[in-house]
C-alpha atoms as a PDB file:
ATOM      1  CA  MET A   1      -0.257   0.291  -0.453  1.00  0.00           C
ATOM      2  CA  THR A   2       1.159   3.503  -0.633  1.00  0.00           C
ATOM      3  CA  ASP A   3       2.047   6.301   1.555  1.00  0.00           C
ATOM      4  CA  VAL A   4       1.159   4.161   5.226  1.00  0.00           C
ATOM      5  CA  VAL A   5       3.305   6.887   6.711  1.00  0.00           C
ATOM      6  CA  ARG A   6       3.106  10.869   5.356  1.00  0.00           C
ATOM      7  CA  GLU A   7       3.806  14.414   6.393  1.00  0.00           C
ATOM      8  CA  GLU A   8       0.948  14.171   9.473  1.00  0.00           C
ATOM      9  CA  HIS A   9       2.741  11.043  10.860  1.00  0.00           C
ATOM     10  CA  PHE A  10       6.105  12.839  10.669  1.00  0.00           C
ATOM     11  CA  LYS A  11       5.326  16.103  12.215  1.00  0.00           C
ATOM     12  CA  ILE A  12       3.400  14.334  15.336  1.00  0.00           C
ATOM     13  CA  ALA A  13       6.944  11.534  15.380  1.00  0.00           C
ATOM     14  CA  LYS A  14       8.579  11.737  19.069  1.00  0.00           C
ATOM     15  CA  ASP A  15      12.052  13.121  18.327  1.00  0.00           C
ATOM     16  CA  LYS A  16      14.701  10.953  16.798  1.00  0.00           C
ATOM     17  CA  CYS A  17      11.972   8.342  16.007  1.00  0.00           C
ATOM     18  CA  ILE A  18      13.770   5.914  13.511  1.00  0.00           C
ATOM     19  CA  PHE A  19      11.723   4.918  10.281  1.00  0.00           C
ATOM     20  CA  ALA A  20      12.516   1.234   8.581  1.00  0.00           C
ATOM     21  CA  ASN A  21      10.413  -0.217   5.440  1.00  0.00           C
ATOM     22  CA  ALA A  22       9.804  -3.619   6.081  1.00  0.00           C
ATOM     23  CA  GLY A  23       6.819  -3.978   3.692  1.00  0.00           C
ATOM     24  CA  HIS A  24       7.129  -5.327  -0.096  1.00  0.00           C
ATOM     25  CA  PHE A  25       8.286  -2.103  -2.365  1.00  0.00           C
ATOM     26  CA  ASP A  26       9.281   1.586  -1.576  1.00  0.00           C
ATOM     27  CA  VAL A  27       6.329   3.374  -1.527  1.00  0.00           C
ATOM     28  CA  GLU A  28       5.051   2.846   2.090  1.00  0.00           C
ATOM     29  CA  ILE A  29       7.182   5.659   3.733  1.00  0.00           C
ATOM     30  CA  ASN A  30       6.286   8.813   1.642  1.00  0.00           C
ATOM     31  CA  LYS A  31       9.974  10.287   0.983  1.00  0.00           C
ATOM     32  CA  GLU A  32       9.184  13.238  -0.281  1.00  0.00           C
ATOM     33  CA  HIS A  33       6.514  14.386   2.157  1.00  0.00           C
ATOM     34  CA  LEU A  34      10.157  13.461   4.252  1.00  0.00           C
ATOM     35  CA  MET A  35      12.086  15.736   2.469  1.00  0.00           C
ATOM     36  CA  SER A  36       9.783  18.582   1.731  1.00  0.00           C
ATOM     37  CA  ILE A  37       9.675  19.431   5.547  1.00  0.00           C
ATOM     38  CA  SER A  38      12.356  18.746   6.912  1.00  0.00           C
ATOM     39  CA  LYS A  39      14.869  21.760   6.213  1.00  0.00           C
ATOM     40  CA  GLU A  40      18.216  19.276   6.087  1.00  0.00           C
ATOM     41  CA  LYS A  41      18.964  15.481   5.549  1.00  0.00           C
ATOM     42  CA  ARG A  42      22.118  14.269   5.755  1.00  0.00           C
ATOM     43  CA  THR A  43      24.140  11.027   5.753  1.00  0.00           C
ATOM     44  CA  VAL A  44      24.645   9.621   9.618  1.00  0.00           C
ATOM     45  CA  ARG A  45      26.051   6.494   8.809  1.00  0.00           C
ATOM     46  CA  LYS A  46      25.770   3.709   5.715  1.00  0.00           C
ATOM     47  CA  TYR A  47      21.944   3.436   5.292  1.00  0.00           C
ATOM     48  CA  VAL A  48      20.937   6.263   7.963  1.00  0.00           C
ATOM     49  CA  ASP A  49      19.721   9.117   6.887  1.00  0.00           C
ATOM     50  CA  GLU A  50      19.114  11.999   9.422  1.00  0.00           C
ATOM     51  CA  TYR A  51      16.343  14.204   8.364  1.00  0.00           C
ATOM     52  CA  ILE A  52      16.505  17.257  10.050  1.00  0.00           C
ATOM     53  CA  PHE A  53      12.992  19.810  11.078  1.00  0.00           C
ATOM     54  CA  GLY A  54      13.187  23.417  11.929  1.00  0.00           C
ATOM     55  CA  ASN A  55      12.750  22.610  14.773  1.00  0.00           C
ATOM     56  CA  GLY A  56      15.381  20.854  16.046  1.00  0.00           C
ATOM     57  CA  LYS A  57      13.353  17.348  16.021  1.00  0.00           C
ATOM     58  CA  LYS A  58      15.240  14.441  13.992  1.00  0.00           C
ATOM     59  CA  LEU A  59      13.701  12.111  11.847  1.00  0.00           C
ATOM     60  CA  TYR A  60      16.050   8.924  10.858  1.00  0.00           C
ATOM     61  CA  LEU A  61      14.836   6.983   7.829  1.00  0.00           C
ATOM     62  CA  LEU A  62      16.530   3.310   6.971  1.00  0.00           C
ATOM     63  CA  GLY A  63      17.914   2.250   3.898  1.00  0.00           C
ATOM     64  CA  GLU A  64      16.304   5.383   2.379  1.00  0.00           C
ATOM     65  CA  GLY A  65      12.909   4.041   2.988  1.00  0.00           C
ATOM     66  CA  ARG A  66      13.147   0.643   0.811  1.00  0.00           C
ATOM     67  CA  LEU A  67      13.093  -2.515   2.024  1.00  0.00           C
ATOM     68  CA  ILE A  68      15.695  -2.322   4.873  1.00  0.00           C
ATOM     69  CA  ASN A  69      15.988  -6.702   5.031  1.00  0.00           C
ATOM     70  CA  LEU A  70      17.545  -6.075   1.255  1.00  0.00           C
ATOM     71  CA  VAL A  71      19.277  -2.825   1.724  1.00  0.00           C
ATOM     72  CA  GLY A  72      21.035  -3.737   5.169  1.00  0.00           C
ATOM     73  CA  GLY A  73      21.161  -6.742   4.712  1.00  0.00           C
ATOM     74  CA  GLN A  74      22.217  -6.734   1.173  1.00  0.00           C
ATOM     75  CA  GLY A  75      19.319  -9.277   0.421  1.00  0.00           C
ATOM     76  CA  HIS A  76      17.925 -13.328   1.533  1.00  0.00           C
ATOM     77  CA  PRO A  77      20.953 -15.390   2.245  1.00  0.00           C
ATOM     78  CA  VAL A  78      21.207 -18.182   0.288  1.00  0.00           C
ATOM     79  CA  GLU A  79      20.240 -20.473   2.959  1.00  0.00           C
ATOM     80  CA  ILE A  80      16.811 -18.925   3.703  1.00  0.00           C
ATOM     81  CA  MET A  81      15.830 -18.867  -0.550  1.00  0.00           C
ATOM     82  CA  ASP A  82      17.062 -22.711  -1.055  1.00  0.00           C
ATOM     83  CA  LEU A  83      14.357 -23.331   1.781  1.00  0.00           C
ATOM     84  CA  SER A  84      12.006 -21.024   0.161  1.00  0.00           C
ATOM     85  CA  PHE A  85      12.008 -22.805  -2.929  1.00  0.00           C
ATOM     86  CA  SER A  86      11.799 -26.336  -1.916  1.00  0.00           C
ATOM     87  CA  ILE A  87       8.824 -25.753  -0.374  1.00  0.00           C
ATOM     88  CA  GLN A  88       7.821 -23.455  -3.255  1.00  0.00           C
ATOM     89  CA  ALA A  89       8.671 -27.075  -5.150  1.00  0.00           C
ATOM     90  CA  LEU A  90       7.733 -29.324  -3.394  1.00  0.00           C
ATOM     91  CA  THR A  91       3.889 -27.605  -3.065  1.00  0.00           C
ATOM     92  CA  ALA A  92       3.844 -27.061  -6.378  1.00  0.00           C
ATOM     93  CA  GLU A  93       4.344 -30.920  -7.144  1.00  0.00           C
ATOM     94  CA  PHE A  94       1.848 -31.713  -4.273  1.00  0.00           C
ATOM     95  CA  ILE A  95      -0.681 -28.907  -6.380  1.00  0.00           C
ATOM     96  CA  ILE A  96       0.242 -31.179  -9.805  1.00  0.00           C
ATOM     97  CA  LYS A  97      -0.616 -35.126  -8.644  1.00  0.00           C
ATOM     98  CA  ASN A  98      -3.419 -34.117  -5.462  1.00  0.00           C
ATOM     99  CA  HIS A  99      -4.944 -31.586  -8.112  1.00  0.00           C
ATOM    100  CA  LYS A 100      -8.190 -33.534  -8.978  1.00  0.00           C
ATOM    101  CA  LYS A 101      -8.785 -33.571  -5.283  1.00  0.00           C
ATOM    102  CA  LEU A 102      -8.157 -29.719  -4.295  1.00  0.00           C
ATOM    103  CA  GLU A 103     -11.078 -27.573  -4.168  1.00  0.00           C
ATOM    104  CA  LYS A 104     -10.548 -24.078  -6.261  1.00  0.00           C
ATOM    105  CA  LYS A 105      -9.500 -22.492  -2.988  1.00  0.00           C
ATOM    106  CA  VAL A 106      -6.142 -21.573  -1.110  1.00  0.00           C
ATOM    107  CA  TYR A 107      -4.330 -24.607   1.460  1.00  0.00           C
ATOM    108  CA  PRO A 108      -1.483 -23.978   3.621  1.00  0.00           C
ATOM    109  CA  VAL A 109       1.399 -25.679   2.909  1.00  0.00           C
ATOM    110  CA  PRO A 110       1.164 -29.610   3.748  1.00  0.00           C
ATOM    111  CA  ARG A 111       2.907 -29.716   7.052  1.00  0.00           C
ATOM    112  CA  ASP A 112       4.725 -33.016   5.942  1.00  0.00           C
ATOM    113  CA  ILE A 113       6.749 -31.115   3.672  1.00  0.00           C
ATOM    114  CA  ASP A 114       7.407 -27.716   5.702  1.00  0.00           C
ATOM    115  CA  VAL A 115       9.305 -31.420   7.932  1.00  0.00           C
ATOM    116  CA  GLN A 116      10.765 -32.447   4.912  1.00  0.00           C
ATOM    117  CA  VAL A 117      12.464 -29.084   3.880  1.00  0.00           C
ATOM    118  CA  SER A 118      12.948 -28.771   7.799  1.00  0.00           C
ATOM    119  CA  ASN A 119      14.676 -32.271   8.283  1.00  0.00           C
ATOM    120  CA  ILE A 120      16.650 -32.319   4.856  1.00  0.00           C
ATOM    121  CA  SER A 121      17.593 -28.397   6.315  1.00  0.00           C
ATOM    122  CA  ARG A 122      19.060 -29.647   9.690  1.00  0.00           C
ATOM    123  CA  GLU A 123      20.906 -32.472   8.797  1.00  0.00           C
ATOM    124  CA  ILE A 124      22.678 -30.237   5.692  1.00  0.00           C
ATOM    125  CA  PHE A 125      23.470 -27.787   8.659  1.00  0.00           C
ATOM    126  CA  SER A 126      24.090 -29.800  11.621  1.00  0.00           C
ATOM    127  CA  ILE A 127      21.290 -28.569  13.349  1.00  0.00           C
ATOM    128  CA  ASP A 128      19.805 -30.739  16.242  1.00  0.00           C
ATOM    129  CA  ILE A 129      16.489 -30.182  18.159  1.00  0.00           C
ATOM    130  CA  ASP A 130      16.300 -30.034  21.932  1.00  0.00           C
ATOM    131  CA  VAL A 131      13.595 -32.167  23.047  1.00  0.00           C
ATOM    132  CA  LEU A 132      10.968 -30.742  25.311  1.00  0.00           C
ATOM    133  CA  ASN A 133      10.100 -31.113  29.169  1.00  0.00           C
ATOM    134  CA  GLU A 134       6.675 -31.423  30.176  1.00  0.00           C
ATOM    135  CA  LYS A 135       6.692 -28.144  31.353  1.00  0.00           C
ATOM    136  CA  GLN A 136       7.766 -26.737  27.990  1.00  0.00           C
ATOM    137  CA  LYS A 137       4.819 -28.403  26.591  1.00  0.00           C
ATOM    138  CA  ARG A 138       2.238 -27.333  28.655  1.00  0.00           C
ATOM    139  CA  TYR A 139       3.428 -23.712  28.113  1.00  0.00           C
ATOM    140  CA  MET A 140       3.406 -24.350  23.827  1.00  0.00           C
ATOM    141  CA  GLU A 141      -0.247 -25.542  23.983  1.00  0.00           C
ATOM    142  CA  SER A 142      -1.756 -23.499  26.493  1.00  0.00           C
ATOM    143  CA  TRP A 143      -2.223 -19.316  26.357  1.00  0.00           C
ATOM    144  CA  ASN A 144      -2.395 -19.119  30.381  1.00  0.00           C
ATOM    145  CA  PHE A 145       1.236 -18.554  30.270  1.00  0.00           C
ATOM    146  CA  GLY A 146       3.010 -15.094  29.010  1.00  0.00           C
ATOM    147  CA  THR A 147       2.341 -11.844  27.975  1.00  0.00           C
END
């Protein structure tokens, strides 16, 4: 969605507020509004721009308002992309094999595909899974604990 954060938001934001975009494109934060109401803009460090208002208030924009995980992190790690593409490919295979039995609706990724990709990934990276004790299992199955 475009213009989620606009001039009126910048004007009421607290001094030294930090803005970052974790959306899909670089249109969620209206950078033109931010620039037009700022007296000065300066880069304070890589991927961090400081916008200074006439009253001295400072706002910070990370990654020029672009997707911060791609800008600041230089993209998605190959390991994450491997997992994502593996799930997508196996799910496409599932749909091809089962399309006659499936209704026309949105389905979650089948659990066995998630587990299969997880197990392969854990094996490749030599990752072991801890076994939950009874108290941990009760916690995970209940809404009575936590915040």
